[in-house]
Each structure stands twice: as structure tokens, then as C-alpha cells.
Amino acid sequence: MKPAPYAFAIELAQPLGAAIERLRAALAAEQMGIVSEVDVQATLKAKLGLDSHPQKLIGVCSPGIAHALMGAEPDIAALLPCGCGVSEATAGRSRIVLQDPRVIALHSDNAAVHAACERAHAALQRVVQRLADA
């Protein structure tokens, strides 16, 4: 599946839980972390009675980059933390998609916002590379 222009994407030959743990380690190497998790499969079942494959929505954040962004433009907090999705549509294979922080920069003319988003973009490129290399 081709990645969307607003996201980084990678497929791992691992079930969802193991893929999330690999993601957590790759993010930690960039001083980033997971700040929230929504179990989409459980929510769809509980709220709509729908069966779904395992999938989670994950909030990813770098405290330093978030601080720089909100210091430059406080209302940008509405776009944070950056979104991530992990799904296991095929048993034992997980797809991770991470929002490209450049999407946030598109909504601001502030040079400091652009600089912070470029730092985050580079960090997430390294995260995806770590996932690919592991």
C-alpha cells in the first residue's frame, strides 16, 4: 500500500502488540514517546457493535518539540500530539502510519513553527528507519 503524502508508513512482520513495542523503542531513541492509545477494535465493538481487526490510534509527542511549537504559537496545541495509527489487518503483519509534522507547518507562517516541524520530520524519518532496520 502506498503511503499518503501526509504520513510516513511502514509494514512490520509482527503482530500489533510487538509492533507497538518496537515503535515505542524507536521513538524513545529520538526522545519521543507515546502519550495516548485508543483501542479502536474495542471501541468499535463497544460503541457500534462492529467487529474489526486489531488497531490502535496513538498520540506521539516530543516534549521538546511540543514546547517549541507552543512557545512559538500557543494555539498550535490544537494539532498536538501528532497522530499515529497501528493496525493488523493481516494476522502477524502490522502497518504503522505516523503523521508527517510538516502537515502542521502548512497551517502556520511562523518560522519557529516550521523549524520545529522540520526537526520532528527528521526525527520521525529516523524512527521509521530504525523500525525498518530492526
N, C-alpha and C. Protein backbone atom coordinates (compact mmCIF):
# COMPACT_ATOMS: atom_id res chain seq x y z
N MET A 1 0.85 -1.18 0.00
CA MET A 1 0.00 0.00 0.00
C MET A 1 0.89 1.24 0.00
N LYS A 2 0.59 2.17 -0.86
CA LYS A 2 1.37 3.40 -0.99
C LYS A 2 1.08 4.34 0.18
N PRO A 3 2.13 4.93 0.78
CA PRO A 3 1.88 5.86 1.89
C PRO A 3 1.22 7.15 1.39
N ALA A 4 0.43 7.74 2.25
CA ALA A 4 -0.21 9.02 1.94
C ALA A 4 0.82 10.13 2.03
N PRO A 5 0.61 11.25 1.32
CA PRO A 5 1.60 12.33 1.36
C PRO A 5 1.69 13.03 2.72
N TYR A 6 0.78 12.74 3.62
CA TYR A 6 0.77 13.37 4.95
C TYR A 6 1.31 12.44 6.04
N ALA A 7 1.87 11.30 5.64
CA ALA A 7 2.29 10.33 6.66
C ALA A 7 3.49 9.50 6.21
N PHE A 8 4.23 9.04 7.19
CA PHE A 8 5.25 8.01 6.99
C PHE A 8 4.53 6.68 7.23
N ALA A 9 4.91 5.65 6.50
CA ALA A 9 4.27 4.35 6.70
C ALA A 9 5.31 3.23 6.59
N ILE A 10 5.10 2.22 7.40
CA ILE A 10 5.98 1.05 7.34
C ILE A 10 5.17 -0.17 7.76
N GLU A 11 5.47 -1.30 7.13
CA GLU A 11 4.84 -2.56 7.49
C GLU A 11 5.87 -3.43 8.21
N LEU A 12 5.43 -4.08 9.26
CA LEU A 12 6.30 -4.95 10.04
C LEU A 12 5.69 -6.34 10.10
N ALA A 13 6.53 -7.36 10.01
CA ALA A 13 6.08 -8.74 10.11
C ALA A 13 5.96 -9.13 11.58
N GLN A 14 5.07 -8.42 12.27
CA GLN A 14 4.84 -8.65 13.70
C GLN A 14 3.38 -8.37 14.02
N PRO A 15 2.85 -9.02 15.05
CA PRO A 15 1.50 -8.66 15.50
C PRO A 15 1.50 -7.27 16.12
N LEU A 16 0.33 -6.72 16.28
CA LEU A 16 0.15 -5.34 16.74
C LEU A 16 0.92 -5.02 18.02
N GLY A 17 0.80 -5.82 19.04
CA GLY A 17 1.47 -5.53 20.32
C GLY A 17 2.98 -5.43 20.19
N ALA A 18 3.56 -6.36 19.47
CA ALA A 18 5.01 -6.34 19.26
C ALA A 18 5.43 -5.14 18.42
N ALA A 19 4.62 -4.80 17.43
CA ALA A 19 4.92 -3.63 16.58
C ALA A 19 4.89 -2.34 17.39
N ILE A 20 3.93 -2.24 18.30
CA ILE A 20 3.85 -1.04 19.15
C ILE A 20 5.05 -0.96 20.07
N GLU A 21 5.51 -2.08 20.60
CA GLU A 21 6.70 -2.06 21.46
C GLU A 21 7.94 -1.64 20.66
N ARG A 22 8.07 -2.10 19.44
CA ARG A 22 9.19 -1.66 18.58
C ARG A 22 9.08 -0.17 18.30
N LEU A 23 7.87 0.29 18.04
CA LEU A 23 7.65 1.73 17.80
C LEU A 23 8.04 2.52 19.04
N ARG A 24 7.63 2.06 20.20
CA ARG A 24 7.95 2.75 21.47
C ARG A 24 9.46 2.90 21.63
N ALA A 25 10.21 1.84 21.35
CA ALA A 25 11.67 1.88 21.47
C ALA A 25 12.29 2.82 20.45
N ALA A 26 11.79 2.79 19.22
CA ALA A 26 12.33 3.67 18.17
C ALA A 26 12.05 5.13 18.49
N LEU A 27 10.87 5.41 19.04
CA LEU A 27 10.54 6.79 19.43
C LEU A 27 11.42 7.24 20.59
N ALA A 28 11.64 6.38 21.57
CA ALA A 28 12.46 6.73 22.74
C ALA A 28 13.87 7.13 22.32
N ALA A 29 14.39 6.50 21.29
CA ALA A 29 15.73 6.84 20.80
C ALA A 29 15.80 8.27 20.28
N GLU A 30 14.64 8.85 19.96
CA GLU A 30 14.56 10.23 19.48
C GLU A 30 13.96 11.17 20.53
N GLN A 31 13.92 10.72 21.78
CA GLN A 31 13.33 11.47 22.89
C GLN A 31 11.87 11.84 22.60
N MET A 32 11.18 10.87 22.01
CA MET A 32 9.76 10.98 21.74
C MET A 32 9.08 9.83 22.48
N GLY A 33 7.77 9.93 22.60
CA GLY A 33 7.07 8.86 23.27
C GLY A 33 5.61 8.79 22.90
N ILE A 34 4.97 7.74 23.39
CA ILE A 34 3.54 7.55 23.21
C ILE A 34 2.85 8.14 24.42
N VAL A 35 1.95 9.09 24.18
CA VAL A 35 1.26 9.77 25.28
C VAL A 35 -0.20 9.35 25.40
N SER A 36 -0.71 8.64 24.38
CA SER A 36 -2.09 8.15 24.45
C SER A 36 -2.27 6.98 23.49
N GLU A 37 -3.20 6.10 23.84
CA GLU A 37 -3.55 4.96 22.99
C GLU A 37 -5.05 4.75 23.05
N VAL A 38 -5.66 4.60 21.90
CA VAL A 38 -7.08 4.29 21.81
C VAL A 38 -7.21 2.94 21.11
N ASP A 39 -7.85 2.00 21.76
CA ASP A 39 -8.06 0.68 21.18
C ASP A 39 -9.28 0.78 20.27
N VAL A 40 -9.03 0.97 18.98
CA VAL A 40 -10.11 1.16 18.00
C VAL A 40 -10.98 -0.10 17.91
N GLN A 41 -10.36 -1.26 17.92
CA GLN A 41 -11.10 -2.51 17.82
C GLN A 41 -12.12 -2.61 18.96
N ALA A 42 -11.68 -2.37 20.20
CA ALA A 42 -12.58 -2.45 21.35
C ALA A 42 -13.64 -1.35 21.31
N THR A 43 -13.27 -0.16 20.90
CA THR A 43 -14.22 0.95 20.84
C THR A 43 -15.31 0.70 19.80
N LEU A 44 -14.91 0.20 18.63
CA LEU A 44 -15.91 -0.09 17.59
C LEU A 44 -16.89 -1.18 18.07
N LYS A 45 -16.36 -2.17 18.79
CA LYS A 45 -17.22 -3.24 19.30
C LYS A 45 -18.16 -2.69 20.37
N ALA A 46 -17.63 -1.94 21.33
CA ALA A 46 -18.42 -1.45 22.45
C ALA A 46 -19.44 -0.38 22.03
N LYS A 47 -19.05 0.51 21.16
CA LYS A 47 -19.91 1.65 20.82
C LYS A 47 -20.82 1.40 19.63
N LEU A 48 -20.34 0.58 18.68
CA LEU A 48 -21.11 0.39 17.45
C LEU A 48 -21.49 -1.07 17.17
N GLY A 49 -20.99 -1.99 18.01
CA GLY A 49 -21.27 -3.40 17.80
C GLY A 49 -20.57 -3.98 16.58
N LEU A 50 -19.51 -3.33 16.13
CA LEU A 50 -18.80 -3.77 14.93
C LEU A 50 -17.57 -4.59 15.29
N ASP A 51 -17.33 -5.63 14.51
CA ASP A 51 -16.11 -6.40 14.65
C ASP A 51 -15.06 -5.81 13.72
N SER A 52 -13.83 -5.77 14.19
CA SER A 52 -12.75 -5.14 13.43
C SER A 52 -11.46 -5.88 13.72
N HIS A 53 -10.49 -5.71 12.85
CA HIS A 53 -9.16 -6.25 13.11
C HIS A 53 -8.49 -5.39 14.19
N PRO A 54 -7.43 -5.90 14.83
CA PRO A 54 -6.73 -5.12 15.85
C PRO A 54 -6.17 -3.82 15.26
N GLN A 55 -6.47 -2.71 15.93
CA GLN A 55 -5.93 -1.42 15.51
C GLN A 55 -5.99 -0.42 16.65
N LYS A 56 -4.99 0.45 16.68
CA LYS A 56 -4.92 1.47 17.72
C LYS A 56 -4.59 2.82 17.11
N LEU A 57 -5.14 3.86 17.70
CA LEU A 57 -4.75 5.24 17.41
C LEU A 57 -3.82 5.65 18.53
N ILE A 58 -2.68 6.23 18.17
CA ILE A 58 -1.65 6.54 19.15
C ILE A 58 -1.26 8.01 19.04
N GLY A 59 -1.15 8.66 20.17
CA GLY A 59 -0.64 10.03 20.22
C GLY A 59 0.86 9.99 20.46
N VAL A 60 1.62 10.60 19.56
CA VAL A 60 3.08 10.63 19.66
C VAL A 60 3.52 12.05 19.96
N CYS A 61 4.46 12.20 20.89
CA CYS A 61 4.90 13.54 21.26
C CYS A 61 6.39 13.56 21.60
N SER A 62 7.01 14.67 21.26
CA SER A 62 8.34 15.00 21.73
C SER A 62 8.17 16.23 22.62
N PRO A 63 8.44 16.10 23.91
CA PRO A 63 8.24 17.26 24.79
C PRO A 63 8.98 18.50 24.32
N GLY A 64 10.22 18.34 23.86
CA GLY A 64 11.00 19.49 23.41
C GLY A 64 10.40 20.17 22.19
N ILE A 65 9.96 19.37 21.25
CA ILE A 65 9.38 19.94 20.03
C ILE A 65 8.00 20.54 20.34
N ALA A 66 7.21 19.87 21.16
CA ALA A 66 5.90 20.42 21.54
C ALA A 66 6.07 21.75 22.26
N HIS A 67 7.06 21.83 23.14
CA HIS A 67 7.33 23.09 23.86
C HIS A 67 7.71 24.19 22.87
N ALA A 68 8.57 23.87 21.91
CA ALA A 68 8.98 24.87 20.91
C ALA A 68 7.79 25.33 20.08
N LEU A 69 6.95 24.39 19.68
CA LEU A 69 5.78 24.75 18.88
C LEU A 69 4.81 25.64 19.65
N MET A 70 4.48 25.24 20.87
CA MET A 70 3.51 26.02 21.65
C MET A 70 4.09 27.34 22.12
N GLY A 71 5.41 27.39 22.29
CA GLY A 71 6.05 28.66 22.63
C GLY A 71 5.99 29.64 21.46
N ALA A 72 6.10 29.11 20.25
CA ALA A 72 6.06 29.96 19.06
C ALA A 72 4.63 30.34 18.70
N GLU A 73 3.69 29.45 18.94
CA GLU A 73 2.30 29.67 18.53
C GLU A 73 1.39 28.85 19.44
N PRO A 74 0.94 29.42 20.55
CA PRO A 74 0.20 28.66 21.56
C PRO A 74 -1.01 27.88 21.03
N ASP A 75 -1.74 28.42 20.08
CA ASP A 75 -2.93 27.73 19.59
C ASP A 75 -2.62 26.49 18.77
N ILE A 76 -1.35 26.30 18.43
CA ILE A 76 -0.97 25.10 17.68
C ILE A 76 -1.18 23.85 18.53
N ALA A 77 -1.41 24.03 19.81
CA ALA A 77 -1.72 22.91 20.70
C ALA A 77 -2.91 22.10 20.18
N ALA A 78 -3.78 22.73 19.41
CA ALA A 78 -4.94 22.02 18.85
C ALA A 78 -4.53 20.93 17.87
N LEU A 79 -3.29 20.99 17.36
CA LEU A 79 -2.81 20.00 16.40
C LEU A 79 -1.90 18.96 17.02
N LEU A 80 -1.70 19.02 18.34
CA LEU A 80 -0.78 18.12 19.03
C LEU A 80 -1.56 17.18 19.93
N PRO A 81 -1.06 16.00 20.28
CA PRO A 81 0.16 15.37 19.79
C PRO A 81 -0.05 14.88 18.36
N CYS A 82 1.04 14.52 17.74
CA CYS A 82 0.96 14.03 16.37
C CYS A 82 0.31 12.65 16.35
N GLY A 83 -0.44 12.39 15.31
CA GLY A 83 -1.19 11.16 15.20
C GLY A 83 -0.38 10.00 14.64
N CYS A 84 -0.76 8.82 15.09
CA CYS A 84 -0.15 7.59 14.62
C CYS A 84 -1.24 6.52 14.65
N GLY A 85 -1.20 5.64 13.70
CA GLY A 85 -2.11 4.51 13.69
C GLY A 85 -1.32 3.23 13.50
N VAL A 86 -1.72 2.18 14.21
CA VAL A 86 -1.11 0.87 14.05
C VAL A 86 -2.26 -0.12 13.85
N SER A 87 -2.19 -0.88 12.77
CA SER A 87 -3.25 -1.84 12.50
C SER A 87 -2.67 -3.17 12.07
N GLU A 88 -3.42 -4.22 12.37
CA GLU A 88 -3.03 -5.58 11.99
C GLU A 88 -4.17 -6.19 11.18
N ALA A 89 -4.30 -5.72 9.92
CA ALA A 89 -5.38 -6.21 9.05
C ALA A 89 -5.15 -7.66 8.64
N THR A 90 -3.88 -8.06 8.55
CA THR A 90 -3.49 -9.44 8.26
C THR A 90 -2.78 -9.97 9.50
N ALA A 91 -3.18 -11.12 9.98
CA ALA A 91 -2.60 -11.68 11.20
C ALA A 91 -1.08 -11.75 11.09
N GLY A 92 -0.41 -11.19 12.11
CA GLY A 92 1.05 -11.23 12.16
C GLY A 92 1.75 -10.15 11.36
N ARG A 93 1.00 -9.25 10.71
CA ARG A 93 1.58 -8.14 9.93
C ARG A 93 0.93 -6.85 10.38
N SER A 94 1.74 -5.92 10.82
CA SER A 94 1.23 -4.63 11.29
C SER A 94 1.71 -3.50 10.39
N ARG A 95 0.85 -2.53 10.22
CA ARG A 95 1.17 -1.33 9.46
C ARG A 95 1.15 -0.15 10.43
N ILE A 96 2.24 0.61 10.42
CA ILE A 96 2.35 1.80 11.26
C ILE A 96 2.35 3.01 10.35
N VAL A 97 1.48 3.98 10.64
CA VAL A 97 1.47 5.25 9.91
C VAL A 97 1.66 6.36 10.93
N LEU A 98 2.57 7.26 10.63
CA LEU A 98 2.91 8.38 11.51
C LEU A 98 2.68 9.69 10.77
N GLN A 99 1.93 10.58 11.37
CA GLN A 99 1.68 11.89 10.75
C GLN A 99 3.00 12.61 10.49
N ASP A 100 3.15 13.14 9.29
CA ASP A 100 4.31 13.95 8.97
C ASP A 100 4.10 15.33 9.60
N PRO A 101 4.98 15.75 10.50
CA PRO A 101 4.81 17.05 11.16
C PRO A 101 4.78 18.25 10.20
N ARG A 102 5.23 18.04 8.98
CA ARG A 102 5.15 19.13 8.01
C ARG A 102 3.70 19.53 7.74
N VAL A 103 2.76 18.63 8.02
CA VAL A 103 1.34 18.95 7.88
C VAL A 103 0.98 20.09 8.83
N ILE A 104 1.54 20.07 10.03
CA ILE A 104 1.29 21.14 11.00
C ILE A 104 1.86 22.45 10.47
N ALA A 105 3.05 22.39 9.91
CA ALA A 105 3.72 23.61 9.42
C ALA A 105 2.91 24.28 8.31
N LEU A 106 2.16 23.51 7.56
CA LEU A 106 1.36 24.09 6.47
C LEU A 106 0.35 25.11 6.97
N HIS A 107 0.01 25.04 8.24
CA HIS A 107 -1.03 25.90 8.80
C HIS A 107 -0.48 27.11 9.54
N SER A 108 0.80 27.38 9.35
CA SER A 108 1.43 28.49 10.06
C SER A 108 2.44 29.20 9.17
N ASP A 109 2.55 30.51 9.37
CA ASP A 109 3.57 31.30 8.68
C ASP A 109 4.76 31.57 9.60
N ASN A 110 4.74 31.01 10.80
CA ASN A 110 5.75 31.27 11.82
C ASN A 110 7.01 30.43 11.54
N ALA A 111 8.14 31.10 11.37
CA ALA A 111 9.40 30.40 11.06
C ALA A 111 9.80 29.42 12.17
N ALA A 112 9.52 29.76 13.42
CA ALA A 112 9.86 28.86 14.53
C ALA A 112 9.03 27.58 14.47
N VAL A 113 7.78 27.69 14.05
CA VAL A 113 6.93 26.51 13.88
C VAL A 113 7.51 25.63 12.78
N HIS A 114 7.88 26.25 11.67
CA HIS A 114 8.47 25.48 10.56
C HIS A 114 9.76 24.78 10.99
N ALA A 115 10.59 25.45 11.74
CA ALA A 115 11.85 24.85 12.19
C ALA A 115 11.59 23.65 13.11
N ALA A 116 10.65 23.79 14.04
CA ALA A 116 10.33 22.68 14.95
C ALA A 116 9.73 21.51 14.18
N CYS A 117 8.91 21.79 13.20
CA CYS A 117 8.31 20.72 12.39
C CYS A 117 9.36 20.01 11.55
N GLU A 118 10.34 20.73 11.08
CA GLU A 118 11.43 20.10 10.32
C GLU A 118 12.25 19.19 11.23
N ARG A 119 12.50 19.62 12.48
CA ARG A 119 13.20 18.76 13.44
C ARG A 119 12.41 17.47 13.69
N ALA A 120 11.11 17.63 13.86
CA ALA A 120 10.26 16.47 14.12
C ALA A 120 10.19 15.56 12.89
N HIS A 121 10.13 16.15 11.71
CA HIS A 121 10.11 15.38 10.46
C HIS A 121 11.37 14.51 10.36
N ALA A 122 12.52 15.11 10.61
CA ALA A 122 13.79 14.37 10.55
C ALA A 122 13.82 13.27 11.60
N ALA A 123 13.33 13.56 12.80
CA ALA A 123 13.33 12.55 13.86
C ALA A 123 12.43 11.37 13.48
N LEU A 124 11.27 11.64 12.91
CA LEU A 124 10.37 10.55 12.53
C LEU A 124 10.91 9.76 11.34
N GLN A 125 11.66 10.40 10.47
CA GLN A 125 12.34 9.65 9.41
C GLN A 125 13.30 8.64 10.03
N ARG A 126 14.02 9.07 11.07
CA ARG A 126 14.95 8.16 11.74
C ARG A 126 14.20 7.05 12.47
N VAL A 127 13.03 7.36 13.05
CA VAL A 127 12.21 6.35 13.71
C VAL A 127 11.82 5.27 12.70
N VAL A 128 11.33 5.69 11.54
CA VAL A 128 10.92 4.72 10.52
C VAL A 128 12.12 3.89 10.05
N GLN A 129 13.26 4.53 9.93
CA GLN A 129 14.46 3.79 9.53
C GLN A 129 14.85 2.77 10.58
N ARG A 130 14.75 3.13 11.86
CA ARG A 130 15.03 2.18 12.94
C ARG A 130 14.08 0.99 12.87
N LEU A 131 12.82 1.27 12.61
CA LEU A 131 11.83 0.19 12.51
C LEU A 131 12.17 -0.73 11.34
N ALA A 132 12.60 -0.15 10.25
CA ALA A 132 12.97 -0.93 9.06
C ALA A 132 14.21 -1.78 9.31
N ASP A 133 15.14 -1.24 10.09
CA ASP A 133 16.42 -1.92 10.33
C ASP A 133 16.34 -3.01 11.39
N ALA A 134 15.38 -2.89 12.28
CA ALA A 134 15.30 -3.83 13.43
C ALA A 134 14.86 -5.22 13.00
